[in-house]
Structure formats: C-alpha cells, structure tokens
C-alpha cells in the first residue's frame, strides 16, 4: 500500500477471507525432519500485502505466532495512522509557539495591550478589568 492511512482506513474490519496461509519446509539445519515436514507457516494479508512467516518445530505454534505477528503489525499500522492524523490536527491548532503565533501582546511595563489581528491597542489595566472587547472590534 502507499501509506499507513490507507492501511488504517481499509483494514479496521478483518475478514477470514483476507488471509492466505502457506505451509513450507523450513530452511537451515535440521536434516531429514526439516526437509520432509512442512511445519513452517507464511501468512499473507491479501488487501495490504503484508506477510509474516514463522519457522519452528511445531506446526500449530508456527501458525499461531505468524498470525499474531501479522495482526500486531496491522494494529500498529492502524494506530500509527490514527495517531498521525490526531497529531497533525493538534499541531495545526497549537501552532509553533513562536512570536508570530501570538494574537495579543500584553506589556505591563508600558501599560499597553496590542491585538495583532485587529491592530488595535489599549491600556493593560483597562484590558485586565475586562474591557477586552474594545480591541476585538
């Protein structure tokens, strides 16, 4: 897939038909037992193209481990996509925290309040008493 967002949006509901299981002989040392028995498992998640494989001595354990690992990977992709959307939205609301993000500057030393969106100023003591609407209009 192209991005995690598509993985998250498409694969929230997982159907049994979304998976394909392959059994194969393991690789590596093991001799006749390893070459003769097909105990290794490869699980494909067809819609996303993700694959997990496990090799071991027990067929059931390999199947369970591969299936669990694949589901953990899909869950992580889904959580990461949702988290990145929430993070981007939060960052857009908060801004950078730099001086340019300020809408109001209050300077008690000069007794001035400046509203940067309207360009109006007033006294800080009057502003603190609650007459804030004078700079907003």
N, C-alpha and C. Protein backbone atom coordinates (compact mmCIF):
# COMPACT_ATOMS: atom_id res chain seq x y z
N UNK A 1 0.83 -1.18 0.00
CA UNK A 1 0.00 0.00 0.00
C UNK A 1 0.88 1.25 0.00
N UNK A 2 0.27 2.36 -0.34
CA UNK A 2 1.02 3.60 -0.45
C UNK A 2 1.34 4.23 0.90
N UNK A 3 0.37 4.19 1.83
CA UNK A 3 0.63 4.84 3.11
C UNK A 3 -0.11 4.11 4.22
N UNK A 4 0.26 4.46 5.45
CA UNK A 4 -0.38 3.85 6.61
C UNK A 4 -1.83 4.29 6.75
N UNK A 5 -2.16 5.47 6.24
CA UNK A 5 -3.53 5.96 6.36
C UNK A 5 -4.46 5.04 5.61
N UNK A 6 -4.08 4.57 4.44
CA UNK A 6 -4.94 3.67 3.69
C UNK A 6 -5.04 2.33 4.40
N UNK A 7 -3.96 1.90 5.02
CA UNK A 7 -4.00 0.64 5.77
C UNK A 7 -4.99 0.76 6.91
N UNK A 8 -4.97 1.88 7.63
CA UNK A 8 -5.86 2.06 8.77
C UNK A 8 -7.31 2.16 8.35
N UNK A 9 -7.58 2.90 7.30
CA UNK A 9 -8.97 3.12 6.93
C UNK A 9 -9.59 1.90 6.29
N UNK A 10 -8.82 1.09 5.59
CA UNK A 10 -9.38 -0.05 4.88
C UNK A 10 -9.47 -1.28 5.77
N UNK A 11 -8.56 -1.44 6.71
CA UNK A 11 -8.46 -2.71 7.41
C UNK A 11 -8.91 -2.67 8.86
N UNK A 12 -9.87 -1.83 9.17
CA UNK A 12 -10.39 -1.85 10.52
C UNK A 12 -11.20 -3.13 10.77
N UNK A 13 -11.91 -3.61 9.75
CA UNK A 13 -12.62 -4.88 9.84
C UNK A 13 -11.84 -5.92 9.06
N UNK A 14 -11.37 -6.96 9.74
CA UNK A 14 -10.60 -8.01 9.08
C UNK A 14 -11.45 -9.26 8.94
N UNK A 15 -11.55 -9.73 7.73
CA UNK A 15 -12.34 -10.92 7.43
C UNK A 15 -11.42 -12.13 7.31
N UNK A 16 -11.92 -13.32 7.59
CA UNK A 16 -11.10 -14.53 7.42
C UNK A 16 -10.66 -14.73 5.97
N UNK A 17 -11.42 -14.20 5.03
CA UNK A 17 -11.04 -14.35 3.62
C UNK A 17 -9.91 -13.40 3.22
N UNK A 18 -9.53 -12.47 4.11
CA UNK A 18 -8.43 -11.55 3.83
C UNK A 18 -7.06 -12.20 3.98
N UNK A 19 -7.03 -13.41 4.53
CA UNK A 19 -5.76 -14.07 4.82
C UNK A 19 -5.55 -15.27 3.90
N UNK A 20 -4.28 -15.51 3.56
CA UNK A 20 -3.90 -16.72 2.84
C UNK A 20 -2.74 -17.36 3.59
N UNK A 21 -2.82 -18.66 3.83
CA UNK A 21 -1.81 -19.38 4.61
C UNK A 21 -1.07 -20.33 3.69
N UNK A 22 0.27 -20.30 3.77
CA UNK A 22 1.12 -21.22 3.01
C UNK A 22 1.95 -22.02 4.00
N UNK A 23 2.10 -23.30 3.71
CA UNK A 23 2.97 -24.16 4.51
C UNK A 23 4.17 -24.53 3.67
N UNK A 24 5.36 -24.52 4.27
CA UNK A 24 6.56 -24.85 3.53
C UNK A 24 7.58 -25.50 4.45
N UNK A 25 8.57 -26.11 3.82
CA UNK A 25 9.67 -26.71 4.58
C UNK A 25 10.58 -25.59 5.05
N UNK A 26 11.03 -25.71 6.27
CA UNK A 26 11.91 -24.69 6.80
C UNK A 26 13.29 -24.73 6.17
N UNK A 27 14.03 -23.67 6.34
CA UNK A 27 15.39 -23.63 5.81
C UNK A 27 16.37 -23.76 6.98
N UNK A 28 17.56 -24.13 6.68
CA UNK A 28 18.58 -24.26 7.70
C UNK A 28 18.81 -25.69 8.11
N UNK A 29 19.59 -25.87 9.17
CA UNK A 29 19.94 -27.21 9.64
C UNK A 29 18.71 -27.92 10.18
N UNK A 30 18.72 -29.22 10.13
CA UNK A 30 17.61 -29.99 10.65
C UNK A 30 17.54 -31.36 9.99
N UNK A 31 18.20 -31.51 8.88
CA UNK A 31 18.28 -32.82 8.24
C UNK A 31 16.96 -33.29 7.67
N UNK A 32 16.74 -34.59 7.82
CA UNK A 32 15.59 -35.22 7.20
C UNK A 32 14.27 -34.66 7.74
N UNK A 33 14.20 -34.43 9.05
CA UNK A 33 12.96 -33.91 9.62
C UNK A 33 12.60 -32.56 9.02
N UNK A 34 13.58 -31.69 8.90
CA UNK A 34 13.34 -30.35 8.39
C UNK A 34 12.93 -30.40 6.92
N UNK A 35 13.55 -31.25 6.15
CA UNK A 35 13.29 -31.31 4.72
C UNK A 35 12.01 -32.05 4.38
N UNK A 36 11.59 -32.95 5.25
CA UNK A 36 10.47 -33.83 4.95
C UNK A 36 9.13 -33.23 5.38
N UNK A 37 9.12 -32.46 6.47
CA UNK A 37 7.87 -31.95 7.02
C UNK A 37 7.68 -30.48 6.68
N UNK A 38 6.45 -30.14 6.37
CA UNK A 38 6.13 -28.74 6.07
C UNK A 38 5.47 -28.12 7.31
N UNK A 39 6.32 -27.71 8.25
CA UNK A 39 5.84 -27.13 9.50
C UNK A 39 5.92 -25.62 9.52
N UNK A 40 6.67 -25.02 8.62
CA UNK A 40 6.82 -23.57 8.62
C UNK A 40 5.59 -22.92 7.98
N UNK A 41 5.21 -21.79 8.51
CA UNK A 41 3.96 -21.14 8.09
C UNK A 41 4.24 -19.73 7.60
N UNK A 42 3.58 -19.35 6.51
CA UNK A 42 3.64 -17.99 5.98
C UNK A 42 2.20 -17.52 5.84
N UNK A 43 1.87 -16.40 6.50
CA UNK A 43 0.51 -15.85 6.46
C UNK A 43 0.54 -14.53 5.70
N UNK A 44 -0.31 -14.43 4.67
CA UNK A 44 -0.42 -13.23 3.85
C UNK A 44 -1.71 -12.50 4.20
N UNK A 45 -1.61 -11.19 4.36
CA UNK A 45 -2.83 -10.37 4.46
C UNK A 45 -3.02 -9.77 3.07
N UNK A 46 -3.95 -10.30 2.33
CA UNK A 46 -4.09 -10.01 0.91
C UNK A 46 -4.36 -8.52 0.63
N UNK A 47 -5.29 -7.85 1.32
CA UNK A 47 -5.55 -6.44 0.98
C UNK A 47 -4.36 -5.51 1.18
N UNK A 48 -3.57 -5.73 2.22
CA UNK A 48 -2.45 -4.82 2.49
C UNK A 48 -1.15 -5.31 1.89
N UNK A 49 -1.05 -6.60 1.58
CA UNK A 49 0.19 -7.15 1.04
C UNK A 49 1.22 -7.49 2.10
N UNK A 50 0.88 -7.38 3.38
CA UNK A 50 1.82 -7.72 4.45
C UNK A 50 1.92 -9.23 4.60
N UNK A 51 3.13 -9.69 4.94
CA UNK A 51 3.39 -11.12 5.08
C UNK A 51 4.20 -11.35 6.35
N UNK A 52 3.86 -12.40 7.08
CA UNK A 52 4.65 -12.83 8.24
C UNK A 52 4.90 -14.33 8.11
N UNK A 53 6.10 -14.75 8.43
CA UNK A 53 6.44 -16.18 8.37
C UNK A 53 7.09 -16.60 9.68
N UNK A 54 6.87 -17.85 10.07
CA UNK A 54 7.49 -18.41 11.27
C UNK A 54 7.95 -19.82 10.97
N UNK A 55 9.14 -20.14 11.48
CA UNK A 55 9.70 -21.49 11.34
C UNK A 55 9.95 -22.04 12.73
N UNK A 56 9.58 -23.26 12.92
CA UNK A 56 9.81 -23.90 14.20
C UNK A 56 9.48 -25.37 14.08
N UNK A 57 9.46 -26.05 15.20
CA UNK A 57 9.24 -27.49 15.17
C UNK A 57 7.76 -27.84 15.16
N UNK A 58 6.93 -27.00 15.75
CA UNK A 58 5.52 -27.32 15.87
C UNK A 58 4.68 -26.49 14.89
N UNK A 59 3.86 -27.19 14.14
CA UNK A 59 3.03 -26.57 13.10
C UNK A 59 2.03 -25.58 13.70
N UNK A 60 1.34 -25.97 14.78
CA UNK A 60 0.33 -25.11 15.38
C UNK A 60 0.95 -23.85 15.96
N UNK A 61 2.09 -23.98 16.61
CA UNK A 61 2.77 -22.82 17.19
C UNK A 61 3.24 -21.86 16.11
N UNK A 62 3.74 -22.38 15.00
CA UNK A 62 4.18 -21.53 13.89
C UNK A 62 3.00 -20.76 13.31
N UNK A 63 1.86 -21.43 13.13
CA UNK A 63 0.67 -20.77 12.61
C UNK A 63 0.21 -19.66 13.55
N UNK A 64 0.11 -19.98 14.82
CA UNK A 64 -0.34 -19.00 15.82
C UNK A 64 0.61 -17.81 15.89
N UNK A 65 1.92 -18.07 15.92
CA UNK A 65 2.90 -16.99 16.02
C UNK A 65 2.88 -16.08 14.79
N UNK A 66 2.79 -16.68 13.60
CA UNK A 66 2.76 -15.88 12.37
C UNK A 66 1.49 -15.04 12.30
N UNK A 67 0.36 -15.65 12.65
CA UNK A 67 -0.91 -14.94 12.62
C UNK A 67 -0.93 -13.79 13.63
N UNK A 68 -0.43 -14.05 14.83
CA UNK A 68 -0.37 -13.00 15.86
C UNK A 68 0.56 -11.86 15.44
N UNK A 69 1.71 -12.19 14.88
CA UNK A 69 2.66 -11.17 14.44
C UNK A 69 2.06 -10.30 13.33
N UNK A 70 1.35 -10.92 12.41
CA UNK A 70 0.72 -10.17 11.32
C UNK A 70 -0.36 -9.23 11.87
N UNK A 71 -1.16 -9.71 12.80
CA UNK A 71 -2.19 -8.86 13.38
C UNK A 71 -1.60 -7.72 14.20
N UNK A 72 -0.48 -7.97 14.89
CA UNK A 72 0.20 -6.89 15.61
C UNK A 72 0.71 -5.83 14.64
N UNK A 73 1.25 -6.25 13.51
CA UNK A 73 1.74 -5.30 12.51
C UNK A 73 0.59 -4.47 11.94
N UNK A 74 -0.53 -5.11 11.64
CA UNK A 74 -1.70 -4.39 11.13
C UNK A 74 -2.24 -3.42 12.18
N UNK A 75 -2.29 -3.84 13.44
CA UNK A 75 -2.76 -2.96 14.51
C UNK A 75 -1.83 -1.76 14.68
N UNK A 76 -0.52 -1.99 14.58
CA UNK A 76 0.44 -0.89 14.71
C UNK A 76 0.28 0.10 13.57
N UNK A 77 0.05 -0.39 12.37
CA UNK A 77 -0.16 0.50 11.22
C UNK A 77 -1.42 1.32 11.41
N UNK A 78 -2.46 0.68 11.92
CA UNK A 78 -3.72 1.36 12.14
C UNK A 78 -3.58 2.42 13.23
N UNK A 79 -2.95 2.07 14.33
CA UNK A 79 -2.75 3.01 15.44
C UNK A 79 -1.86 4.17 15.02
N UNK A 80 -0.80 3.86 14.27
CA UNK A 80 0.10 4.91 13.81
C UNK A 80 -0.58 5.89 12.88
N UNK A 81 -1.46 5.40 12.03
CA UNK A 81 -2.16 6.28 11.10
C UNK A 81 -3.13 7.19 11.83
N UNK A 82 -3.86 6.64 12.77
CA UNK A 82 -4.80 7.44 13.54
C UNK A 82 -4.03 8.45 14.38
N UNK A 83 -2.93 8.02 14.99
CA UNK A 83 -2.11 8.92 15.80
C UNK A 83 -1.52 10.05 15.00
N UNK A 84 -1.09 9.77 13.76
CA UNK A 84 -0.51 10.82 12.94
C UNK A 84 -1.55 11.85 12.51
N UNK A 85 -2.79 11.41 12.28
CA UNK A 85 -3.86 12.35 11.93
C UNK A 85 -4.17 13.25 13.12
N UNK A 86 -4.28 12.65 14.31
CA UNK A 86 -4.57 13.43 15.52
C UNK A 86 -3.41 14.39 15.81
N UNK A 87 -2.19 13.91 15.64
CA UNK A 87 -1.02 14.75 15.89
C UNK A 87 -0.97 15.94 14.94
N UNK A 88 -1.27 15.72 13.68
CA UNK A 88 -1.26 16.81 12.70
C UNK A 88 -2.35 17.83 13.03
N UNK A 89 -3.51 17.35 13.43
CA UNK A 89 -4.60 18.27 13.79
C UNK A 89 -4.23 19.09 15.03
N UNK A 90 -3.64 18.43 16.03
CA UNK A 90 -3.24 19.12 17.24
C UNK A 90 -2.17 20.17 16.94
N UNK A 91 -1.21 19.81 16.09
CA UNK A 91 -0.14 20.74 15.76
C UNK A 91 -0.69 21.96 15.03
N UNK A 92 -1.69 21.74 14.18
CA UNK A 92 -2.30 22.87 13.48
C UNK A 92 -3.03 23.81 14.42
N UNK A 93 -3.62 23.27 15.47
CA UNK A 93 -4.33 24.10 16.43
C UNK A 93 -3.38 24.86 17.35
N UNK A 94 -2.31 24.21 17.77
CA UNK A 94 -1.39 24.81 18.73
C UNK A 94 -0.47 25.82 18.06
N UNK A 95 -0.01 25.50 16.87
CA UNK A 95 0.95 26.37 16.20
C UNK A 95 2.35 26.03 16.63
N UNK A 96 3.27 26.93 16.35
CA UNK A 96 4.67 26.66 16.65
C UNK A 96 5.09 27.19 18.01
N UNK A 97 4.30 28.10 18.58
CA UNK A 97 4.68 28.70 19.85
C UNK A 97 5.66 29.84 19.68
N UNK A 98 5.90 30.27 18.47
CA UNK A 98 6.82 31.37 18.20
C UNK A 98 6.07 32.70 18.33
N UNK A 99 6.81 33.79 18.21
CA UNK A 99 6.24 35.11 18.39
C UNK A 99 5.16 35.42 17.35
N UNK A 100 5.32 34.90 16.16
CA UNK A 100 4.36 35.18 15.10
C UNK A 100 2.99 34.57 15.33
N UNK A 101 2.89 33.61 16.24
CA UNK A 101 1.61 32.96 16.52
C UNK A 101 0.74 33.75 17.49
N UNK A 102 1.29 34.77 18.12
CA UNK A 102 0.56 35.49 19.15
C UNK A 102 -0.53 36.36 18.53
N UNK A 103 -1.69 36.40 19.19
CA UNK A 103 -2.75 37.30 18.76
C UNK A 103 -2.79 38.54 19.64
N UNK A 104 -2.33 38.42 20.88
CA UNK A 104 -2.36 39.56 21.80
C UNK A 104 -1.01 39.69 22.50
N UNK A 105 -0.50 40.90 22.58
CA UNK A 105 0.72 41.18 23.34
C UNK A 105 0.33 42.09 24.50
N UNK A 106 0.65 41.68 25.72
CA UNK A 106 0.36 42.48 26.90
C UNK A 106 1.70 42.92 27.49
N UNK A 107 1.91 44.23 27.55
CA UNK A 107 3.14 44.79 28.12
C UNK A 107 2.76 45.65 29.33
N UNK A 108 2.98 45.09 30.52
CA UNK A 108 2.62 45.81 31.74
C UNK A 108 3.58 46.96 32.00
N UNK A 109 4.83 46.86 31.52
CA UNK A 109 5.80 47.94 31.72
C UNK A 109 5.31 49.22 31.04
N UNK A 110 4.73 49.09 29.85
CA UNK A 110 4.27 50.27 29.10
C UNK A 110 2.77 50.50 29.28
N UNK A 111 2.11 49.61 30.03
CA UNK A 111 0.66 49.66 30.22
C UNK A 111 -0.06 49.65 28.86
N UNK A 112 0.35 48.71 27.97
CA UNK A 112 -0.23 48.60 26.63
C UNK A 112 -0.63 47.17 26.34
N UNK A 113 -1.74 47.02 25.64
CA UNK A 113 -2.17 45.73 25.10
C UNK A 113 -2.39 45.95 23.62
N UNK A 114 -1.81 45.07 22.79
CA UNK A 114 -1.97 45.16 21.34
C UNK A 114 -2.59 43.88 20.83
N UNK A 115 -3.68 44.01 20.09
CA UNK A 115 -4.31 42.86 19.46
C UNK A 115 -3.80 42.83 18.02
N UNK A 116 -3.07 41.77 17.65
CA UNK A 116 -2.38 41.74 16.36
C UNK A 116 -3.30 41.48 15.18
N UNK A 117 -4.44 40.84 15.40
CA UNK A 117 -5.35 40.58 14.28
C UNK A 117 -6.12 41.83 13.88
N UNK A 118 -6.53 42.64 14.86
CA UNK A 118 -7.28 43.86 14.55
C UNK A 118 -6.37 45.07 14.44
N UNK A 119 -5.17 44.99 15.06
CA UNK A 119 -4.23 46.11 15.02
C UNK A 119 -4.54 47.19 16.04
N UNK A 120 -5.46 46.95 16.97
CA UNK A 120 -5.85 47.95 17.95
C UNK A 120 -5.06 47.78 19.24
N UNK A 121 -4.91 48.89 19.98
CA UNK A 121 -4.20 48.89 21.26
C UNK A 121 -5.07 49.56 22.31
N UNK A 122 -4.79 49.24 23.56
CA UNK A 122 -5.48 49.87 24.69
C UNK A 122 -4.62 49.73 25.93
N UNK A 123 -5.05 50.29 27.03
CA UNK A 123 -4.27 50.21 28.25
C UNK A 123 -4.41 48.82 28.88
N UNK A 124 -3.33 48.33 29.46
CA UNK A 124 -3.31 46.99 30.04
C UNK A 124 -4.20 46.90 31.27
N UNK A 125 -4.25 47.95 32.08
CA UNK A 125 -5.10 47.90 33.27
C UNK A 125 -6.58 47.82 32.89
N UNK A 126 -6.97 48.56 31.86
CA UNK A 126 -8.35 48.50 31.39
C UNK A 126 -8.65 47.13 30.81
N UNK A 127 -7.71 46.56 30.09
CA UNK A 127 -7.87 45.23 29.49
C UNK A 127 -8.04 44.17 30.58
N UNK A 128 -7.24 44.27 31.65
CA UNK A 128 -7.31 43.30 32.74
C UNK A 128 -8.59 43.45 33.56
N UNK A 129 -9.23 44.63 33.51
CA UNK A 129 -10.50 44.82 34.21
C UNK A 129 -11.67 44.22 33.45
N UNK A 130 -11.43 43.78 32.21
CA UNK A 130 -12.47 43.08 31.48
C UNK A 130 -13.01 43.79 30.25
N UNK A 131 -12.44 44.90 29.88
CA UNK A 131 -12.91 45.62 28.70
C UNK A 131 -12.18 45.13 27.44
N UNK A 132 -12.13 43.83 27.28
CA UNK A 132 -11.36 43.22 26.18
C UNK A 132 -12.00 43.42 24.83
N UNK A 133 -13.30 43.63 24.82
CA UNK A 133 -13.99 43.73 23.53
C UNK A 133 -13.61 45.00 22.77
N UNK A 134 -12.97 45.96 23.44
CA UNK A 134 -12.55 47.18 22.75
C UNK A 134 -11.47 46.91 21.70
N UNK A 135 -10.62 45.91 21.94
CA UNK A 135 -9.57 45.60 20.96
C UNK A 135 -10.03 44.60 19.95
N UNK A 136 -11.15 43.91 20.21
CA UNK A 136 -11.63 42.88 19.28
C UNK A 136 -12.47 43.47 18.16
N UNK A 137 -13.08 44.63 18.37
CA UNK A 137 -13.97 45.21 17.37
C UNK A 137 -13.21 45.98 16.35
